[in-house]
């Protein structure tokens, strides 16, 4: 019997993060659900987009929502023991990863696409798990610092706007 389940679309997968402000639902069978189910640590990669620069953008799913599925226009990657999802994600979203994906994208009728073979054959630089952990930890620290700077900048803009409005009045 079909069951209604939430699912992620291409629009939900941004580079390094998810936009969960609008998550749609779909009725599906148990077999369909198991084929498209997401686990914590799955990397979702955009398969098709009108902009070749958006092909291959990816983010790591961290179980933000329960019982969620993914659209068939997203490629789900489950990493092996020797590859951390965050490390793969960093590479896919790097200039080297993006160049590789763009070079392998096909285009027809204004839609640029890749397939799971392109993702599977992506030449991810190999390194040991400890090095992957160190790199992903450093990137997370930098991301936190950038977010803090952006919030501070936004607050300063609001303060400046308030001060200027106070002077004009």
C-alpha atoms as a PDB file:
ATOM      1  CA  UNK A   1       0.000   0.000   0.000  1.00  0.00           C
ATOM      2  CA  UNK A   2       1.444   3.417  -0.958  1.00  0.00           C
ATOM      3  CA  UNK A   3       2.647   5.621   1.868  1.00  0.00           C
ATOM      4  CA  UNK A   4       3.277   9.392   1.820  1.00  0.00           C
ATOM      5  CA  UNK A   5       6.954  10.232   2.421  1.00  0.00           C
ATOM      6  CA  UNK A   6       9.036  13.428   2.273  1.00  0.00           C
ATOM      7  CA  UNK A   7      11.673  13.596  -0.439  1.00  0.00           C
ATOM      8  CA  UNK A   8      14.573  15.825  -1.445  1.00  0.00           C
ATOM      9  CA  UNK A   9      14.648  17.436  -4.882  1.00  0.00           C
ATOM     10  CA  UNK A  10      17.460  19.084  -6.830  1.00  0.00           C
ATOM     11  CA  UNK A  11      16.278  22.433  -5.411  1.00  0.00           C
ATOM     12  CA  UNK A  12      16.953  21.159  -1.873  1.00  0.00           C
ATOM     13  CA  UNK A  13      20.593  20.248  -2.530  1.00  0.00           C
ATOM     14  CA  UNK A  14      22.869  23.265  -2.466  1.00  0.00           C
ATOM     15  CA  UNK A  15      26.650  23.240  -2.429  1.00  0.00           C
ATOM     16  CA  UNK A  16      27.691  21.838   0.999  1.00  0.00           C
ATOM     17  CA  UNK A  17      24.241  22.207   2.546  1.00  0.00           C
ATOM     18  CA  UNK A  18      20.533  21.590   2.188  1.00  0.00           C
ATOM     19  CA  UNK A  19      17.646  24.022   1.879  1.00  0.00           C
ATOM     20  CA  UNK A  20      14.821  22.348   3.771  1.00  0.00           C
ATOM     21  CA  UNK A  21      12.399  25.286   3.719  1.00  0.00           C
ATOM     22  CA  UNK A  22      10.233  23.440   1.175  1.00  0.00           C
ATOM     23  CA  UNK A  23      10.263  19.660   1.283  1.00  0.00           C
ATOM     24  CA  UNK A  24       7.646  17.966  -0.874  1.00  0.00           C
ATOM     25  CA  UNK A  25       6.027  14.587  -0.295  1.00  0.00           C
ATOM     26  CA  UNK A  26       5.296  11.671  -2.563  1.00  0.00           C
ATOM     27  CA  UNK A  27       3.194   8.525  -2.335  1.00  0.00           C
ATOM     28  CA  UNK A  28       5.346   5.445  -2.833  1.00  0.00           C
ATOM     29  CA  UNK A  29       5.470   1.743  -2.227  1.00  0.00           C
ATOM     30  CA  UNK A  30       7.840   0.140   0.258  1.00  0.00           C
ATOM     31  CA  UNK A  31      10.065  -1.071  -2.620  1.00  0.00           C
ATOM     32  CA  UNK A  32      10.291   2.453  -4.087  1.00  0.00           C
ATOM     33  CA  UNK A  33      11.002   3.882  -0.654  1.00  0.00           C
ATOM     34  CA  UNK A  34      13.852   1.458   0.025  1.00  0.00           C
ATOM     35  CA  UNK A  35      15.428   2.286  -3.360  1.00  0.00           C
ATOM     36  CA  UNK A  36      15.489   6.031  -2.608  1.00  0.00           C
ATOM     37  CA  UNK A  37      15.931   6.035   1.195  1.00  0.00           C
ATOM     38  CA  UNK A  38      18.639   8.193   2.726  1.00  0.00           C
ATOM     39  CA  UNK A  39      21.004   7.228   5.519  1.00  0.00           C
ATOM     40  CA  UNK A  40      23.086   9.500   7.676  1.00  0.00           C
ATOM     41  CA  UNK A  41      26.307  10.233   5.791  1.00  0.00           C
ATOM     42  CA  UNK A  42      24.921   9.740   2.287  1.00  0.00           C
ATOM     43  CA  UNK A  43      26.315  12.260  -0.190  1.00  0.00           C
ATOM     44  CA  UNK A  44      23.708  13.631  -2.593  1.00  0.00           C
ATOM     45  CA  UNK A  45      24.982  14.850  -5.957  1.00  0.00           C
ATOM     46  CA  UNK A  46      22.938  16.884  -8.456  1.00  0.00           C
ATOM     47  CA  UNK A  47      22.591  14.872 -11.670  1.00  0.00           C
ATOM     48  CA  UNK A  48      21.042  17.458 -13.991  1.00  0.00           C
ATOM     49  CA  UNK A  49      20.650  21.214 -14.216  1.00  0.00           C
ATOM     50  CA  UNK A  50      20.216  23.941 -16.829  1.00  0.00           C
ATOM     51  CA  UNK A  51      23.488  25.513 -15.628  1.00  0.00           C
ATOM     52  CA  UNK A  52      26.589  23.388 -16.180  1.00  0.00           C
ATOM     53  CA  UNK A  53      28.123  25.099 -13.126  1.00  0.00           C
ATOM     54  CA  UNK A  54      25.437  23.535 -10.925  1.00  0.00           C
ATOM     55  CA  UNK A  55      26.000  19.968 -12.127  1.00  0.00           C
ATOM     56  CA  UNK A  56      27.602  17.813  -9.452  1.00  0.00           C
ATOM     57  CA  UNK A  57      26.984  20.160  -6.533  1.00  0.00           C
ATOM     58  CA  UNK A  58      26.713  18.050  -3.434  1.00  0.00           C
ATOM     59  CA  UNK A  59      25.991  17.938   0.279  1.00  0.00           C
ATOM     60  CA  UNK A  60      26.227  15.309   3.026  1.00  0.00           C
ATOM     61  CA  UNK A  61      22.899  14.200   4.513  1.00  0.00           C
ATOM     62  CA  UNK A  62      22.931  14.250   8.332  1.00  0.00           C
ATOM     63  CA  UNK A  63      19.445  12.880   9.045  1.00  0.00           C
ATOM     64  CA  UNK A  64      17.926  16.344   9.405  1.00  0.00           C
ATOM     65  CA  UNK A  65      14.515  14.784   8.677  1.00  0.00           C
ATOM     66  CA  UNK A  66      13.324  11.245   9.386  1.00  0.00           C
ATOM     67  CA  UNK A  67      12.219   8.726   6.760  1.00  0.00           C
ATOM     68  CA  UNK A  68      13.209  10.920   3.848  1.00  0.00           C
ATOM     69  CA  UNK A  69      13.785   9.855   0.266  1.00  0.00           C
ATOM     70  CA  UNK A  70      15.650  11.433  -2.629  1.00  0.00           C
ATOM     71  CA  UNK A  71      14.445  12.290  -6.113  1.00  0.00           C
ATOM     72  CA  UNK A  72      15.832  10.180  -8.958  1.00  0.00           C
ATOM     73  CA  UNK A  73      17.555  13.331 -10.344  1.00  0.00           C
ATOM     74  CA  UNK A  74      19.947  13.128  -7.390  1.00  0.00           C
ATOM     75  CA  UNK A  75      22.759  10.593  -7.220  1.00  0.00           C
ATOM     76  CA  UNK A  76      23.159   9.044  -3.779  1.00  0.00           C
ATOM     77  CA  UNK A  77      26.697   8.042  -2.820  1.00  0.00           C
ATOM     78  CA  UNK A  78      27.474   5.781   0.113  1.00  0.00           C
ATOM     79  CA  UNK A  79      31.161   5.928   0.873  1.00  0.00           C
ATOM     80  CA  UNK A  80      33.345   2.934   1.609  1.00  0.00           C
ATOM     81  CA  UNK A  81      35.315   2.560   4.842  1.00  0.00           C
ATOM     82  CA  UNK A  82      38.342   4.274   3.271  1.00  0.00           C
ATOM     83  CA  UNK A  83      36.504   7.444   2.214  1.00  0.00           C
ATOM     84  CA  UNK A  84      34.759   9.912   4.506  1.00  0.00           C
ATOM     85  CA  UNK A  85      31.541  11.462   3.132  1.00  0.00           C
ATOM     86  CA  UNK A  86      32.667  14.948   4.157  1.00  0.00           C
ATOM     87  CA  UNK A  87      36.002  14.473   2.373  1.00  0.00           C
ATOM     88  CA  UNK A  88      34.254  13.345  -0.827  1.00  0.00           C
ATOM     89  CA  UNK A  89      31.858  16.281  -0.560  1.00  0.00           C
ATOM     90  CA  UNK A  90      34.719  18.761  -0.152  1.00  0.00           C
ATOM     91  CA  UNK A  91      36.390  17.373  -3.260  1.00  0.00           C
ATOM     92  CA  UNK A  92      33.215  17.299  -5.377  1.00  0.00           C
ATOM     93  CA  UNK A  93      32.563  20.957  -4.534  1.00  0.00           C
ATOM     94  CA  UNK A  94      36.218  22.005  -5.034  1.00  0.00           C
ATOM     95  CA  UNK A  95      37.466  23.583  -8.259  1.00  0.00           C
ATOM     96  CA  UNK A  96      39.118  20.276  -9.242  1.00  0.00           C
ATOM     97  CA  UNK A  97      35.965  18.256  -8.625  1.00  0.00           C
ATOM     98  CA  UNK A  98      33.782  20.798 -10.391  1.00  0.00           C
ATOM     99  CA  UNK A  99      36.137  20.921 -13.404  1.00  0.00           C
ATOM    100  CA  UNK A 100      36.057  17.128 -13.685  1.00  0.00           C
ATOM    101  CA  UNK A 101      32.253  16.992 -13.486  1.00  0.00           C
ATOM    102  CA  UNK A 102      31.848  19.821 -16.039  1.00  0.00           C
ATOM    103  CA  UNK A 103      34.230  18.050 -18.422  1.00  0.00           C
ATOM    104  CA  UNK A 104      32.091  14.890 -18.274  1.00  0.00           C
ATOM    105  CA  UNK A 105      28.645  16.539 -18.411  1.00  0.00           C
ATOM    106  CA  UNK A 106      26.419  15.889 -21.408  1.00  0.00           C
ATOM    107  CA  UNK A 107      23.983  18.456 -22.737  1.00  0.00           C
ATOM    108  CA  UNK A 108      20.710  18.049 -24.587  1.00  0.00           C
ATOM    109  CA  UNK A 109      17.752  20.387 -24.903  1.00  0.00           C
ATOM    110  CA  UNK A 110      19.333  22.872 -22.513  1.00  0.00           C
ATOM    111  CA  UNK A 111      19.755  20.331 -19.707  1.00  0.00           C
ATOM    112  CA  UNK A 112      23.259  19.384 -18.568  1.00  0.00           C
ATOM    113  CA  UNK A 113      23.565  15.958 -16.972  1.00  0.00           C
ATOM    114  CA  UNK A 114      25.985  13.483 -15.442  1.00  0.00           C
ATOM    115  CA  UNK A 115      25.380   9.900 -14.363  1.00  0.00           C
ATOM    116  CA  UNK A 116      26.465   7.665 -11.521  1.00  0.00           C
ATOM    117  CA  UNK A 117      29.425   6.351 -13.546  1.00  0.00           C
ATOM    118  CA  UNK A 118      30.849   9.878 -13.802  1.00  0.00           C
ATOM    119  CA  UNK A 119      30.541  10.273 -10.020  1.00  0.00           C
ATOM    120  CA  UNK A 120      31.972   6.795  -9.339  1.00  0.00           C
ATOM    121  CA  UNK A 121      34.974   7.507 -11.609  1.00  0.00           C
ATOM    122  CA  UNK A 122      35.709  10.943 -10.112  1.00  0.00           C
ATOM    123  CA  UNK A 123      39.461  11.004  -9.402  1.00  0.00           C
ATOM    124  CA  UNK A 124      39.273  11.835  -5.696  1.00  0.00           C
ATOM    125  CA  UNK A 125      42.786  12.342  -4.281  1.00  0.00           C
ATOM    126  CA  UNK A 126      43.504   9.414  -1.994  1.00  0.00           C
ATOM    127  CA  UNK A 127      44.788   9.837   1.517  1.00  0.00           C
ATOM    128  CA  UNK A 128      44.451   7.988   4.813  1.00  0.00           C
ATOM    129  CA  UNK A 129      41.432   8.439   7.092  1.00  0.00           C
ATOM    130  CA  UNK A 130      43.365  10.515   9.658  1.00  0.00           C
ATOM    131  CA  UNK A 131      44.347  13.017   6.969  1.00  0.00           C
ATOM    132  CA  UNK A 132      40.748  13.113   5.720  1.00  0.00           C
ATOM    133  CA  UNK A 133      39.532  13.755   9.284  1.00  0.00           C
ATOM    134  CA  UNK A 134      42.091  16.519   9.765  1.00  0.00           C
ATOM    135  CA  UNK A 135      41.151  18.225   6.498  1.00  0.00           C
ATOM    136  CA  UNK A 136      37.396  17.971   7.077  1.00  0.00           C
ATOM    137  CA  UNK A 137      37.844  19.288  10.630  1.00  0.00           C
ATOM    138  CA  UNK A 138      39.798  22.280   9.351  1.00  0.00           C
ATOM    139  CA  UNK A 139      37.182  23.000   6.691  1.00  0.00           C
ATOM    140  CA  UNK A 140      34.409  22.847   9.309  1.00  0.00           C
ATOM    141  CA  UNK A 141      36.314  25.324  11.513  1.00  0.00           C
ATOM    142  CA  UNK A 142      36.704  27.672   8.550  1.00  0.00           C
ATOM    143  CA  UNK A 143      32.993  27.340   7.710  1.00  0.00           C
ATOM    144  CA  UNK A 144      32.064  28.248  11.313  1.00  0.00           C
ATOM    145  CA  UNK A 145      34.368  31.287  11.160  1.00  0.00           C
ATOM    146  CA  UNK A 146      32.881  32.401   7.817  1.00  0.00           C
ATOM    147  CA  UNK A 147      29.338  32.050   9.172  1.00  0.00           C
ATOM    148  CA  UNK A 148      30.285  34.102  12.238  1.00  0.00           C
ATOM    149  CA  UNK A 149      31.841  36.821  10.071  1.00  0.00           C
ATOM    150  CA  UNK A 150      28.762  36.904   7.809  1.00  0.00           C
ATOM    151  CA  UNK A 151      26.454  37.246  10.840  1.00  0.00           C
ATOM    152  CA  UNK A 152      28.619  40.028  12.258  1.00  0.00           C
ATOM    153  CA  UNK A 153      28.638  41.800   8.899  1.00  0.00           C
ATOM    154  CA  UNK A 154      24.848  41.532   8.654  1.00  0.00           C
ATOM    155  CA  UNK A 155      24.428  42.914  12.181  1.00  0.00           C
ATOM    156  CA  UNK A 156      26.779  45.806  11.407  1.00  0.00           C
ATOM    157  CA  UNK A 157      24.803  46.604   8.249  1.00  0.00           C
ATOM    158  CA  UNK A 158      21.591  46.679  10.301  1.00  0.00           C
ATOM    159  CA  UNK A 159      23.224  48.910  12.903  1.00  0.00           C
ATOM    160  CA  UNK A 160      24.538  51.270  10.223  1.00  0.00           C
ATOM    161  CA  UNK A 161      21.110  51.428   8.605  1.00  0.00           C
ATOM    162  CA  UNK A 162      19.505  52.206  11.974  1.00  0.00           C
ATOM    163  CA  UNK A 163      22.077  54.910  12.718  1.00  0.00           C
ATOM    164  CA  UNK A 164      21.647  56.505   9.306  1.00  0.00           C
ATOM    165  CA  UNK A 165      17.872  56.479   9.661  1.00  0.00           C
ATOM    166  CA  UNK A 166      18.224  58.069  13.086  1.00  0.00           C
ATOM    167  CA  UNK A 167      20.399  60.852  11.703  1.00  0.00           C
ATOM    168  CA  UNK A 168      18.095  61.554   8.762  1.00  0.00           C
ATOM    169  CA  UNK A 169      14.989  61.835  10.960  1.00  0.00           C
END
